Amino acid sequence: MKRALEYIWIDGSSPTPKLRSKTRMAFEPLKWGFDGTSDGQTNDGKNSDYTIHPVRSVIDPFRGPNDLLVLCEVIGPDGKPGRTNHRAELAKVSKSCEEDHCLFGFEQEYTLFRGRDPLGWPTNGYPAPQGPFYCGIGSDEAFGRPLVEAHRIACLRAGIDLYGTNLEVMPGQCEYQTAPMSPLEACDMLWLSRYILFRMSEYFGWTVRLHPKPINGDWNGAGLHTNFSTKEMRNSFISCEFAATSLREVFKTDGFPKVYGHGYEERLTGHHETCSHKEFRFGVADRTASVRIPHSVKMNNGGYIEDRRPCANADPYQVAAYIMYATIPVSER
């Protein structure tokens, strides 16, 4: 019996690619084609046959247990990865670093909008100053919980391992965290969880935005804090410090990593629990730093580091590859 396969891919939108999807009735996921001019992959209508190659499948929580969400890579007519297909590069880096047993966990922040205003905001006005809304409880402080819960349940039904969820500092802002996974799996699952989030919002009539600074003013931005560790780091605090130092040295040479999301300058100002994008600092338990080493890591002599610079709209494939290149001598392997 055929089943519904929801093919999901990253489009060619600029400056921030988005997700697209379409349904195919088939027995198993196979390669499929689409028009690259219609999603921003190319302007050449005479050579616009792009292909989506399945790379990971999970149960479709919106349909039956036999139906699948199928994450795909985009391949161009020349047989090479599409210009927004950064998974291929991460696959190469991950293979070079297999012996390091890297793990990634992402903290995905997002903002819910109803019309032109964030969810919970008065029409044409502003709510009370932020503060009580973080992990808030009650109808006057908690906005978006029904979607947060529906998204959590759907991800677990799909087989996507989440670490937790919470309401964030700005009213209308929420967050979920993915459990630690290997690089490719972590990034694949984050993209799939994003798809589920956007798809779930259709039922509520709310809009999900990943913009780093959805509202100007004295409000927190939205990030994709990235937790990273190697086998050595999980057993040595000094190794965690070394990884943070390596990121600092790369920053000194190359400056802020542009792959951390379009609009990063608006969010990383040195205020609202951020370090300025013009500098790099790391410290234990320091949420105003570029990279935080949790206090528990120092106490337990090992664990992970949290890169707080990636923005909510960043491509996790690019973020993970950058961190691995910066902290592990990939070129020597």
Protein backbone atom coordinates (compact mmCIF):
# COMPACT_ATOMS: atom_id res chain seq x y z
CA MET A 1 0.00 0.00 0.00
CA LYS A 2 1.31 3.44 -0.90
CA ARG A 3 1.82 6.01 1.85
CA ALA A 4 2.02 9.79 2.00
CA LEU A 5 5.60 11.06 1.91
CA GLU A 6 6.02 14.75 2.72
CA TYR A 7 9.19 15.84 0.93
CA ILE A 8 10.82 18.77 2.77
CA TRP A 9 13.72 20.86 1.49
CA ILE A 10 15.55 24.15 2.05
CA ASP A 11 14.72 26.62 -0.70
CA GLY A 12 16.81 29.29 -2.41
CA SER A 13 15.30 32.34 -0.71
CA SER A 14 17.69 35.16 0.17
CA PRO A 15 19.03 36.31 2.55
CA THR A 16 17.47 33.59 4.72
CA PRO A 17 16.37 30.31 3.09
CA LYS A 18 13.02 28.85 4.07
CA LEU A 19 11.44 25.40 4.05
CA ARG A 20 9.27 24.07 1.25
CA SER A 21 7.36 20.79 1.00
CA LYS A 22 5.14 18.72 -1.25
CA THR A 23 3.48 15.33 -0.95
CA ARG A 24 4.21 12.21 -2.94
CA MET A 25 2.28 8.95 -2.78
CA ALA A 26 4.79 6.10 -2.92
CA PHE A 27 5.97 2.99 -1.12
CA GLU A 28 9.41 4.35 -0.17
CA PRO A 29 11.24 7.72 -0.40
CA LEU A 30 12.93 8.11 -3.79
CA LYS A 31 14.53 11.02 -5.59
CA TRP A 32 12.05 13.58 -6.93
CA GLY A 33 12.24 16.67 -9.08
CA PHE A 34 10.97 20.24 -8.78
CA ASP A 35 11.16 23.60 -10.52
CA GLY A 36 14.18 25.48 -9.21
CA THR A 37 12.91 28.82 -10.54
CA SER A 38 9.83 28.66 -8.31
CA ASP A 39 11.70 28.48 -5.01
CA GLY A 40 14.63 30.80 -5.73
CA GLN A 41 17.26 28.19 -6.58
CA THR A 42 17.88 29.67 -10.04
CA ASN A 43 16.69 32.28 -12.54
CA ASP A 44 17.48 30.05 -15.51
CA GLY A 45 14.13 28.68 -16.63
CA LYS A 46 15.83 26.78 -19.46
CA ASN A 47 17.75 24.64 -16.97
CA SER A 48 15.60 24.52 -13.85
CA ASP A 49 15.13 20.82 -13.16
CA TYR A 50 16.41 20.42 -9.61
CA THR A 51 16.27 17.18 -7.64
CA ILE A 52 15.50 16.50 -3.99
CA HIS A 53 17.37 13.54 -2.50
CA PRO A 54 15.93 11.97 0.69
CA VAL A 55 18.46 11.98 3.55
CA ARG A 56 16.37 11.35 6.69
CA SER A 57 12.81 10.25 7.42
CA VAL A 58 10.64 10.39 10.52
CA ILE A 59 7.01 9.50 11.23
CA ASP A 60 4.59 12.16 10.00
CA PRO A 61 2.75 13.29 13.18
CA PHE A 62 0.05 15.04 11.12
CA ARG A 63 -0.99 11.89 9.23
CA GLY A 64 -0.94 8.17 9.92
CA PRO A 65 1.87 6.15 11.53
CA ASN A 66 2.87 4.73 8.14
CA ASP A 67 3.32 8.16 6.55
CA LEU A 68 6.65 9.98 6.66
CA LEU A 69 8.26 13.39 6.76
CA VAL A 70 11.19 13.14 4.37
CA LEU A 71 14.01 15.67 4.71
CA CYS A 72 15.86 16.13 1.42
CA GLU A 73 19.02 17.65 0.01
CA VAL A 74 18.73 19.83 -3.08
CA ILE A 75 20.88 18.81 -6.05
CA GLY A 76 21.21 21.02 -9.14
CA PRO A 77 21.05 20.01 -12.82
CA ASP A 78 24.87 19.74 -12.79
CA GLY A 79 24.73 17.05 -10.11
CA LYS A 80 26.23 19.35 -7.46
CA PRO A 81 24.61 20.52 -4.20
CA GLY A 82 22.33 23.54 -4.61
CA ARG A 83 23.70 26.86 -3.37
CA THR A 84 21.78 26.64 -0.08
CA ASN A 85 22.59 22.95 0.45
CA HIS A 86 25.17 23.11 3.25
CA ARG A 87 24.48 19.61 4.54
CA ALA A 88 26.95 18.15 2.05
CA GLU A 89 29.81 20.18 3.54
CA LEU A 90 28.89 19.20 7.10
CA ALA A 91 28.89 15.54 6.04
CA LYS A 92 32.52 15.90 4.96
CA VAL A 93 33.56 17.62 8.17
CA SER A 94 31.70 15.09 10.31
CA LYS A 95 33.43 12.17 8.63
CA SER A 96 36.82 13.78 9.28
CA CYS A 97 35.93 14.16 12.97
CA GLU A 98 34.36 10.76 13.63
CA GLU A 99 36.97 9.89 16.27
CA ASP A 100 36.08 13.02 18.25
CA HIS A 101 32.47 11.84 18.77
CA CYS A 102 31.04 15.36 18.46
CA LEU A 103 27.62 16.12 19.88
CA PHE A 104 25.38 19.12 19.21
CA GLY A 105 22.25 20.37 20.93
CA PHE A 106 20.33 23.43 19.74
CA GLU A 107 18.20 25.92 21.65
CA GLN A 108 15.70 27.21 19.10
CA GLU A 109 14.01 30.48 20.01
CA TYR A 110 11.10 31.79 17.95
CA THR A 111 8.49 34.54 18.14
CA LEU A 112 4.77 34.06 17.60
CA PHE A 113 2.84 36.81 15.83
CA ARG A 114 -0.89 37.35 15.50
CA GLY A 115 -1.21 39.73 12.59
CA ARG A 116 1.34 42.53 12.90
CA ASP A 117 1.90 42.18 16.66
CA PRO A 118 3.65 39.52 18.75
CA LEU A 119 1.23 37.17 20.45
CA GLY A 120 0.02 38.64 23.75
CA TRP A 121 0.84 42.24 22.85
CA PRO A 122 -1.94 44.83 22.96
CA THR A 123 -3.00 46.14 19.55
CA ASN A 124 -0.91 49.19 18.59
CA GLY A 125 0.74 49.21 22.00
CA TYR A 126 3.32 47.61 24.24
CA PRO A 127 3.05 45.11 27.09
CA ALA A 128 4.61 45.53 30.52
CA PRO A 129 8.44 45.51 30.55
CA GLN A 130 9.96 42.08 30.03
CA GLY A 131 10.90 40.08 33.08
CA PRO A 132 7.88 38.19 34.41
CA PHE A 133 7.23 36.49 31.06
CA TYR A 134 10.27 34.18 31.19
CA CYS A 135 8.91 30.73 32.08
CA GLY A 136 5.75 32.60 33.06
CA ILE A 137 2.51 31.03 34.23
CA GLY A 138 -1.00 32.40 33.82
CA SER A 139 -2.98 34.05 31.05
CA ASP A 140 -1.42 37.46 31.74
CA GLU A 141 2.18 36.21 31.42
CA ALA A 142 2.12 33.03 29.29
CA PHE A 143 1.43 33.43 25.57
CA GLY A 144 1.63 30.63 23.01
CA ARG A 145 1.61 27.64 25.35
CA PRO A 146 -0.99 25.69 23.28
CA LEU A 147 1.33 25.76 20.26
CA VAL A 148 4.39 24.99 22.39
CA GLU A 149 2.65 21.88 23.76
CA ALA A 150 1.27 20.77 20.40
CA HIS A 151 4.71 21.14 18.83
CA ARG A 152 6.36 19.18 21.64
CA ILE A 153 3.91 16.30 21.32
CA ALA A 154 4.20 16.24 17.53
CA CYS A 155 8.02 16.14 17.65
CA LEU A 156 8.02 13.25 20.11
CA ARG A 157 5.49 11.35 18.00
CA ALA A 158 7.74 11.88 15.00
CA GLY A 159 10.72 10.49 16.90
CA ILE A 160 12.56 13.80 17.33
CA ASP A 161 14.26 13.82 20.72
CA LEU A 162 13.67 17.10 22.55
CA TYR A 163 15.41 18.17 25.75
CA GLY A 164 12.82 20.70 26.89
CA THR A 165 10.60 23.70 26.15
CA ASN A 166 9.93 27.05 27.81
CA LEU A 167 8.41 30.48 27.32
CA GLU A 168 11.03 33.16 26.81
CA VAL A 169 11.87 36.64 28.14
CA MET A 170 9.88 38.68 25.61
CA PRO A 171 6.11 38.07 25.60
CA GLY A 172 5.18 36.01 22.56
CA GLN A 173 8.62 34.41 22.41
CA CYS A 174 9.17 30.69 23.02
CA GLU A 175 11.98 28.14 22.91
CA TYR A 176 12.60 24.42 22.59
CA GLN A 177 15.84 22.51 22.93
CA THR A 178 16.95 19.42 21.03
CA ALA A 179 18.73 16.60 22.84
CA PRO A 180 22.46 16.07 22.18
CA MET A 181 23.05 14.19 18.90
CA SER A 182 25.76 13.61 16.33
CA PRO A 183 26.29 16.57 13.96
CA LEU A 184 24.24 15.46 10.96
CA GLU A 185 21.45 13.97 13.03
CA ALA A 186 21.24 17.07 15.25
CA CYS A 187 20.96 19.42 12.27
CA ASP A 188 18.54 17.19 10.36
CA MET A 189 16.28 16.91 13.39
CA LEU A 190 16.36 20.66 13.97
CA TRP A 191 15.22 21.33 10.41
CA LEU A 192 12.47 18.72 10.76
CA SER A 193 11.37 20.21 14.09
CA ARG A 194 11.24 23.63 12.42
CA TYR A 195 9.01 22.19 9.72
CA ILE A 196 6.67 20.75 12.35
CA LEU A 197 6.60 24.10 14.15
CA PHE A 198 5.66 26.07 11.03
CA ARG A 199 3.17 23.45 9.96
CA MET A 200 1.56 23.35 13.42
CA SER A 201 1.16 27.13 13.42
CA GLU A 202 -1.27 26.81 10.49
CA TYR A 203 -3.84 25.26 12.84
CA PHE A 204 -3.61 28.21 15.24
CA GLY A 205 -3.55 31.00 12.69
CA TRP A 206 -0.36 32.37 14.20
CA THR A 207 2.85 33.25 12.37
CA VAL A 208 6.22 31.85 13.47
CA ARG A 209 9.17 34.18 12.94
CA LEU A 210 12.85 33.37 13.38
CA HIS A 211 14.09 36.92 12.94
CA PRO A 212 16.99 37.70 15.36
CA LYS A 213 15.35 40.95 16.49
CA PRO A 214 11.62 40.71 15.75
CA ILE A 215 10.81 43.89 17.71
CA ASN A 216 13.13 46.88 18.06
CA GLY A 217 13.61 48.41 21.49
CA ASP A 218 14.21 47.08 24.97
CA TRP A 219 13.33 43.50 24.12
CA ASN A 220 15.41 40.34 23.89
CA GLY A 221 16.26 39.02 20.45
CA ALA A 222 15.88 35.41 19.30
CA GLY A 223 18.84 33.05 19.13
CA LEU A 224 19.89 29.53 18.29
CA HIS A 225 22.26 28.91 21.18
CA THR A 226 24.42 25.96 20.16
CA ASN A 227 25.76 23.46 22.67
CA PHE A 228 28.82 21.55 21.51
CA SER A 229 31.12 18.90 22.92
CA THR A 230 33.66 16.30 21.91
CA LYS A 231 34.50 13.11 23.76
CA GLU A 232 37.53 14.86 25.25
CA MET A 233 35.52 17.91 26.32
CA ARG A 234 32.98 15.74 28.11
CA ASN A 235 35.79 14.54 30.35
CA SER A 236 37.91 17.67 30.75
CA PHE A 237 37.15 21.26 31.73
CA ILE A 238 40.48 22.33 30.25
CA SER A 239 39.39 20.92 26.88
CA CYS A 240 36.23 23.02 27.07
CA GLU A 241 38.33 26.12 27.73
CA PHE A 242 40.60 25.18 24.82
CA ALA A 243 37.60 24.90 22.48
CA ALA A 244 36.38 28.35 23.55
CA THR A 245 39.88 29.75 23.09
CA SER A 246 40.04 28.25 19.59
CA LEU A 247 36.78 30.00 18.67
CA ARG A 248 38.26 33.25 19.97
CA GLU A 249 41.39 32.86 17.85
CA VAL A 250 39.33 32.26 14.71
CA PHE A 251 37.28 35.37 15.56
CA LYS A 252 40.46 37.43 15.82
CA THR A 253 41.44 36.35 12.31
CA ASP A 254 38.13 36.21 10.46
CA GLY A 255 35.75 38.35 12.51
CA PHE A 256 32.15 37.44 13.23
CA PRO A 257 30.97 34.30 11.41
CA LYS A 258 28.40 35.52 8.88
CA VAL A 259 26.92 32.01 8.76
CA TYR A 260 25.40 32.68 12.20
CA GLY A 261 22.31 34.29 10.68
CA HIS A 262 21.24 37.33 8.69
CA GLY A 263 20.48 40.32 10.91
CA TYR A 264 22.92 39.33 13.66
CA GLU A 265 23.97 42.97 14.14
CA GLU A 266 20.48 43.85 15.36
CA ARG A 267 20.53 41.18 18.05
CA LEU A 268 24.18 41.03 19.16
CA THR A 269 24.52 44.55 20.56
CA GLY A 270 26.08 43.81 23.93
CA HIS A 271 22.70 44.20 25.63
CA HIS A 272 19.81 41.84 26.38
CA GLU A 273 22.03 38.88 27.38
CA THR A 274 24.33 39.16 24.37
CA CYS A 275 27.94 40.04 23.67
CA SER A 276 28.54 42.54 20.88
CA HIS A 277 29.24 40.99 17.48
CA LYS A 278 32.33 43.23 17.38
CA GLU A 279 34.08 41.38 20.20
CA PHE A 280 34.55 37.87 21.57
CA ARG A 281 34.51 36.85 25.21
CA PHE A 282 33.98 33.56 27.01
CA GLY A 283 33.47 32.78 30.65
CA VAL A 284 31.99 30.38 33.17
CA ALA A 285 28.26 30.95 33.73
CA ASP A 286 28.46 34.21 31.76
CA ARG A 287 25.35 34.79 29.65
CA THR A 288 26.70 38.11 28.42
CA ALA A 289 29.63 36.33 26.76
CA SER A 290 29.98 35.07 23.19
CA VAL A 291 30.57 31.57 24.55
CA ARG A 292 29.37 30.38 27.93
CA ILE A 293 30.90 27.46 29.82
CA PRO A 294 28.19 26.26 32.21
CA HIS A 295 29.04 26.32 35.90
CA SER A 296 28.25 22.60 36.10
CA VAL A 297 31.00 21.92 33.56
CA LYS A 298 33.60 23.48 35.84
CA MET A 299 32.20 21.67 38.89
CA ASN A 300 32.14 18.30 37.09
CA ASN A 301 35.46 18.83 35.27
CA GLY A 302 33.97 18.33 31.84
CA GLY A 303 30.92 18.78 29.66
CA TYR A 304 30.21 21.21 26.84
CA ILE A 305 30.32 24.84 25.73
CA GLU A 306 27.44 27.03 24.60
CA ASP A 307 28.02 29.30 21.61
CA ARG A 308 25.46 32.06 22.21
CA ARG A 309 26.10 33.93 18.95
CA PRO A 310 24.01 31.97 16.39
CA CYS A 311 20.71 33.68 15.57
CA ALA A 312 17.33 31.98 15.47
CA ASN A 313 17.35 31.98 11.66
CA ALA A 314 20.82 30.43 11.28
CA ASP A 315 21.36 27.28 9.23
CA PRO A 316 22.48 24.62 11.75
CA TYR A 317 24.53 22.82 9.07
CA GLN A 318 26.69 25.92 8.65
CA VAL A 319 26.87 26.61 12.39
CA ALA A 320 27.97 23.06 13.22
CA ALA A 321 30.57 22.98 10.42
CA TYR A 322 32.01 26.33 11.53
CA ILE A 323 32.36 25.23 15.16
CA MET A 324 34.02 21.95 14.20
CA TYR A 325 36.42 23.65 11.80
CA ALA A 326 37.31 26.21 14.48
CA THR A 327 37.84 23.80 17.39
CA ILE A 328 39.15 20.61 15.76
CA PRO A 329 42.18 20.45 13.42
CA VAL A 330 40.07 18.99 10.59
CA SER A 331 42.67 19.77 7.93
CA GLU A 332 45.15 17.47 9.65
CA ARG A 333 42.89 14.41 9.54
